[in-house]
C-alpha atoms as a PDB file:
ATOM      1  CA  MET A   1     -36.804   4.424  27.961  1.00  0.00           C
ATOM      2  CA  ASN A   2     -33.217   5.157  27.013  1.00  0.00           C
ATOM      3  CA  PRO A   3     -31.862   8.739  26.726  1.00  0.00           C
ATOM      4  CA  GLU A   4     -31.936   8.677  22.911  1.00  0.00           C
ATOM      5  CA  GLU A   5     -35.620   7.665  22.838  1.00  0.00           C
ATOM      6  CA  LEU A   6     -36.425  10.336  25.418  1.00  0.00           C
ATOM      7  CA  ARG A   7     -34.679  12.990  23.308  1.00  0.00           C
ATOM      8  CA  ALA A   8     -36.651  11.877  20.234  1.00  0.00           C
ATOM      9  CA  PHE A   9     -39.968  12.050  22.099  1.00  0.00           C
ATOM     10  CA  ARG A  10     -39.035  15.460  23.582  1.00  0.00           C
ATOM     11  CA  ASP A  11     -38.263  16.812  20.121  1.00  0.00           C
ATOM     12  CA  LEU A  12     -41.527  15.426  18.731  1.00  0.00           C
ATOM     13  CA  ILE A  13     -43.607  16.838  21.595  1.00  0.00           C
ATOM     14  CA  GLU A  14     -41.976  20.270  21.691  1.00  0.00           C
ATOM     15  CA  ASN A  15     -41.044  20.882  18.045  1.00  0.00           C
ATOM     16  CA  GLY A  16     -42.423  18.169  15.762  1.00  0.00           C
ATOM     17  CA  ILE A  17     -46.100  18.995  16.258  1.00  0.00           C
ATOM     18  CA  PRO A  18     -46.707  22.592  15.115  1.00  0.00           C
ATOM     19  CA  PHE A  19     -49.702  23.178  17.422  1.00  0.00           C
ATOM     20  CA  ASN A  20     -47.706  22.038  20.462  1.00  0.00           C
ATOM     21  CA  ALA A  21     -44.872  24.364  19.443  1.00  0.00           C
ATOM     22  CA  TYR A  22     -47.336  27.256  19.067  1.00  0.00           C
ATOM     23  CA  LEU A  23     -48.757  26.570  22.537  1.00  0.00           C
ATOM     24  CA  GLY A  24     -45.232  26.317  23.962  1.00  0.00           C
ATOM     25  CA  ILE A  25     -45.726  22.864  25.500  1.00  0.00           C
ATOM     26  CA  ARG A  26     -42.634  21.532  27.303  1.00  0.00           C
ATOM     27  CA  LEU A  27     -41.920  17.979  28.413  1.00  0.00           C
ATOM     28  CA  LEU A  28     -41.208  17.562  32.127  1.00  0.00           C
ATOM     29  CA  ASP A  29     -41.326  13.773  32.487  1.00  0.00           C
ATOM     30  CA  LEU A  30     -42.069  10.803  30.241  1.00  0.00           C
ATOM     31  CA  GLY A  31     -41.990   7.072  30.874  1.00  0.00           C
ATOM     32  CA  ASP A  32     -43.109   4.524  33.438  1.00  0.00           C
ATOM     33  CA  ARG A  33     -46.701   4.708  32.054  1.00  0.00           C
ATOM     34  CA  GLN A  34     -47.008   8.431  32.637  1.00  0.00           C
ATOM     35  CA  CYS A  35     -46.302  11.844  31.136  1.00  0.00           C
ATOM     36  CA  ARG A  36     -46.029  15.357  32.580  1.00  0.00           C
ATOM     37  CA  LEU A  37     -46.192  18.433  30.370  1.00  0.00           C
ATOM     38  CA  LEU A  38     -45.867  22.143  31.147  1.00  0.00           C
ATOM     39  CA  LEU A  39     -47.835  24.830  29.340  1.00  0.00           C
ATOM     40  CA  PRO A  40     -46.401  28.319  30.003  1.00  0.00           C
ATOM     41  CA  TYR A  41     -49.007  31.049  30.387  1.00  0.00           C
ATOM     42  CA  ARG A  42     -49.290  33.601  27.578  1.00  0.00           C
ATOM     43  CA  PRO A  43     -52.029  36.251  27.285  1.00  0.00           C
ATOM     44  CA  GLU A  44     -52.857  35.175  23.719  1.00  0.00           C
ATOM     45  CA  LEU A  45     -54.041  31.792  25.114  1.00  0.00           C
ATOM     46  CA  GLN A  46     -56.753  33.415  27.229  1.00  0.00           C
ATOM     47  CA  GLY A  47     -60.390  32.547  26.800  1.00  0.00           C
ATOM     48  CA  ASP A  48     -61.634  35.157  29.267  1.00  0.00           C
ATOM     49  CA  ALA A  49     -59.500  38.304  29.185  1.00  0.00           C
ATOM     50  CA  ARG A  50     -61.474  39.839  32.059  1.00  0.00           C
ATOM     51  CA  ARG A  51     -60.045  37.176  34.395  1.00  0.00           C
ATOM     52  CA  GLN A  52     -56.906  36.334  32.405  1.00  0.00           C
ATOM     53  CA  ALA A  53     -58.106  32.711  32.389  1.00  0.00           C
ATOM     54  CA  LEU A  54     -56.752  30.216  29.868  1.00  0.00           C
ATOM     55  CA  HIS A  55     -59.121  29.047  27.133  1.00  0.00           C
ATOM     56  CA  GLY A  56     -60.731  25.664  27.812  1.00  0.00           C
ATOM     57  CA  GLY A  57     -59.638  24.421  24.406  1.00  0.00           C
ATOM     58  CA  VAL A  58     -56.010  25.055  25.338  1.00  0.00           C
ATOM     59  CA  ILE A  59     -56.455  23.010  28.518  1.00  0.00           C
ATOM     60  CA  SER A  60     -58.196  20.256  26.546  1.00  0.00           C
ATOM     61  CA  ALA A  61     -55.377  20.175  23.972  1.00  0.00           C
ATOM     62  CA  LEU A  62     -52.816  19.848  26.766  1.00  0.00           C
ATOM     63  CA  ILE A  63     -54.755  16.960  28.314  1.00  0.00           C
ATOM     64  CA  ASP A  64     -55.056  15.199  24.954  1.00  0.00           C
ATOM     65  CA  THR A  65     -51.362  15.653  24.156  1.00  0.00           C
ATOM     66  CA  CYS A  66     -50.229  14.495  27.583  1.00  0.00           C
ATOM     67  CA  GLY A  67     -52.458  11.413  27.585  1.00  0.00           C
ATOM     68  CA  GLY A  68     -51.495  10.469  24.050  1.00  0.00           C
ATOM     69  CA  PHE A  69     -47.797  10.627  24.803  1.00  0.00           C
ATOM     70  CA  ALA A  70     -48.180   8.619  28.008  1.00  0.00           C
ATOM     71  CA  VAL A  71     -49.579   5.826  25.821  1.00  0.00           C
ATOM     72  CA  TRP A  72     -47.171   6.410  22.930  1.00  0.00           C
ATOM     73  CA  SER A  73     -44.141   6.176  25.226  1.00  0.00           C
ATOM     74  CA  THR A  74     -44.963   2.535  26.036  1.00  0.00           C
ATOM     75  CA  GLY A  75     -43.918   1.566  22.510  1.00  0.00           C
ATOM     76  CA  SER A  76     -41.761   2.953  19.732  1.00  0.00           C
ATOM     77  CA  ILE A  77     -41.662   6.502  18.417  1.00  0.00           C
ATOM     78  CA  LYS A  78     -42.491   4.905  15.040  1.00  0.00           C
ATOM     79  CA  ASP A  79     -45.875   3.736  16.402  1.00  0.00           C
ATOM     80  CA  ARG A  80     -48.999   5.791  15.764  1.00  0.00           C
ATOM     81  CA  VAL A  81     -51.443   6.923  18.447  1.00  0.00           C
ATOM     82  CA  ALA A  82     -54.820   8.561  17.765  1.00  0.00           C
ATOM     83  CA  THR A  83     -57.480   9.854  20.127  1.00  0.00           C
ATOM     84  CA  ILE A  84     -60.683   7.798  20.255  1.00  0.00           C
ATOM     85  CA  ASP A  85     -62.424   9.627  23.083  1.00  0.00           C
ATOM     86  CA  LEU A  86     -61.691  12.594  25.327  1.00  0.00           C
ATOM     87  CA  ARG A  87     -63.641  13.957  28.259  1.00  0.00           C
ATOM     88  CA  VAL A  88     -62.618  17.025  30.236  1.00  0.00           C
ATOM     89  CA  ASP A  89     -64.073  18.331  33.478  1.00  0.00           C
ATOM     90  CA  TYR A  90     -63.126  21.972  34.082  1.00  0.00           C
ATOM     91  CA  LEU A  91     -63.042  22.492  37.841  1.00  0.00           C
ATOM     92  CA  LYS A  92     -61.413  25.912  38.310  1.00  0.00           C
ATOM     93  CA  PRO A  93     -60.199  28.651  35.965  1.00  0.00           C
ATOM     94  CA  ALA A  94     -56.498  28.660  35.123  1.00  0.00           C
ATOM     95  CA  VAL A  95     -55.892  32.331  35.882  1.00  0.00           C
ATOM     96  CA  ALA A  96     -52.644  33.827  34.550  1.00  0.00           C
ATOM     97  CA  CYS A  97     -50.506  30.833  35.512  1.00  0.00           C
ATOM     98  CA  ASP A  98     -48.316  28.151  33.991  1.00  0.00           C
ATOM     99  CA  ILE A  99     -50.129  24.816  34.110  1.00  0.00           C
ATOM    100  CA  ILE A 100     -48.973  21.218  34.307  1.00  0.00           C
ATOM    101  CA  ALA A 101     -50.796  18.149  32.996  1.00  0.00           C
ATOM    102  CA  HIS A 102     -49.969  14.787  34.559  1.00  0.00           C
ATOM    103  CA  SER A 103     -51.289  11.724  32.742  1.00  0.00           C
ATOM    104  CA  ARG A 104     -51.238   8.159  34.020  1.00  0.00           C
ATOM    105  CA  ILE A 105     -52.211   5.064  32.067  1.00  0.00           C
ATOM    106  CA  ARG A 106     -55.113   3.277  33.714  1.00  0.00           C
ATOM    107  CA  MET A 107     -55.396   0.403  31.224  1.00  0.00           C
ATOM    108  CA  LEU A 108     -53.192  -0.552  28.314  1.00  0.00           C
ATOM    109  CA  GLY A 109     -53.997  -3.206  25.752  1.00  0.00           C
ATOM    110  CA  ASN A 110     -52.454  -4.112  22.411  1.00  0.00           C
ATOM    111  CA  ARG A 111     -54.539  -1.580  20.491  1.00  0.00           C
ATOM    112  CA  VAL A 112     -56.179   0.695  23.066  1.00  0.00           C
ATOM    113  CA  GLY A 113     -54.935   2.746  25.997  1.00  0.00           C
ATOM    114  CA  ASN A 114     -57.069   4.396  28.690  1.00  0.00           C
ATOM    115  CA  VAL A 115     -55.599   7.408  30.503  1.00  0.00           C
ATOM    116  CA  SER A 116     -56.464   9.661  33.441  1.00  0.00           C
ATOM    117  CA  THR A 117     -55.052  13.210  33.528  1.00  0.00           C
ATOM    118  CA  VAL A 118     -55.038  16.000  36.090  1.00  0.00           C
ATOM    119  CA  VAL A 119     -54.156  19.629  35.374  1.00  0.00           C
ATOM    120  CA  TYR A 120     -52.930  22.033  38.030  1.00  0.00           C
ATOM    121  CA  ALA A 121     -51.106  25.348  38.360  1.00  0.00           C
ATOM    122  CA  SER A 122     -47.340  24.861  38.501  1.00  0.00           C
ATOM    123  CA  THR A 123     -47.266  26.796  41.773  1.00  0.00           C
ATOM    124  CA  ALA A 124     -50.189  24.946  43.406  1.00  0.00           C
ATOM    125  CA  PRO A 125     -50.187  21.209  42.563  1.00  0.00           C
ATOM    126  CA  GLU A 126     -52.772  20.509  45.256  1.00  0.00           C
ATOM    127  CA  VAL A 127     -55.435  22.581  43.432  1.00  0.00           C
ATOM    128  CA  ILE A 128     -56.828  20.654  40.454  1.00  0.00           C
ATOM    129  CA  ILE A 129     -57.893  22.922  37.576  1.00  0.00           C
ATOM    130  CA  ALA A 130     -59.212  20.186  35.280  1.00  0.00           C
ATOM    131  CA  GLU A 131     -59.442  16.416  34.999  1.00  0.00           C
ATOM    132  CA  GLY A 132     -59.433  14.435  31.795  1.00  0.00           C
ATOM    133  CA  ARG A 133     -60.182  10.882  30.789  1.00  0.00           C
ATOM    134  CA  SER A 134     -59.135   9.724  27.381  1.00  0.00           C
ATOM    135  CA  VAL A 135     -58.898   6.657  25.181  1.00  0.00           C
ATOM    136  CA  TYR A 136     -56.310   6.188  22.436  1.00  0.00           C
ATOM    137  CA  ASN A 137     -55.970   3.828  19.501  1.00  0.00           C
ATOM    138  CA  ILE A 138     -52.487   2.357  19.165  1.00  0.00           C
ATOM    139  CA  ARG A 139     -50.997   1.164  15.883  1.00  0.00           C
ATOM    140  CA  ARG A 140     -47.699  -0.568  16.584  1.00  0.00           C
ATOM    141  CA  VAL A 141     -45.071  -0.518  13.858  1.00  0.00           C
END
């Protein structure tokens, strides 16, 4: 991916999708059949205020976004990618921490991409908070 394409994808991920912008998602790495995104912790994203744990839906949205862009980055920014299936296993609470999602393409066809994603605290990459498996429909332009 050339620098201009990377800038376009970064702008789309961080600013072009209103929900991503609201969550504060930031691109760390994109290309080579993978994507890494950062979600900064904010109290208003909590699902359990007693533990200051992030809401599961926020984690799921990060997994879906990261997986979708891993697939999308294999083509053109003009292509369209839509989620077909998403499964998330929540393994540990994300307690008051920034989290990172790292998606890797497991299988990529002409119209479908299959992705595996792990989520971990930015300060403890060895501790997996959640795992996701997702399938995306690809419409090439």
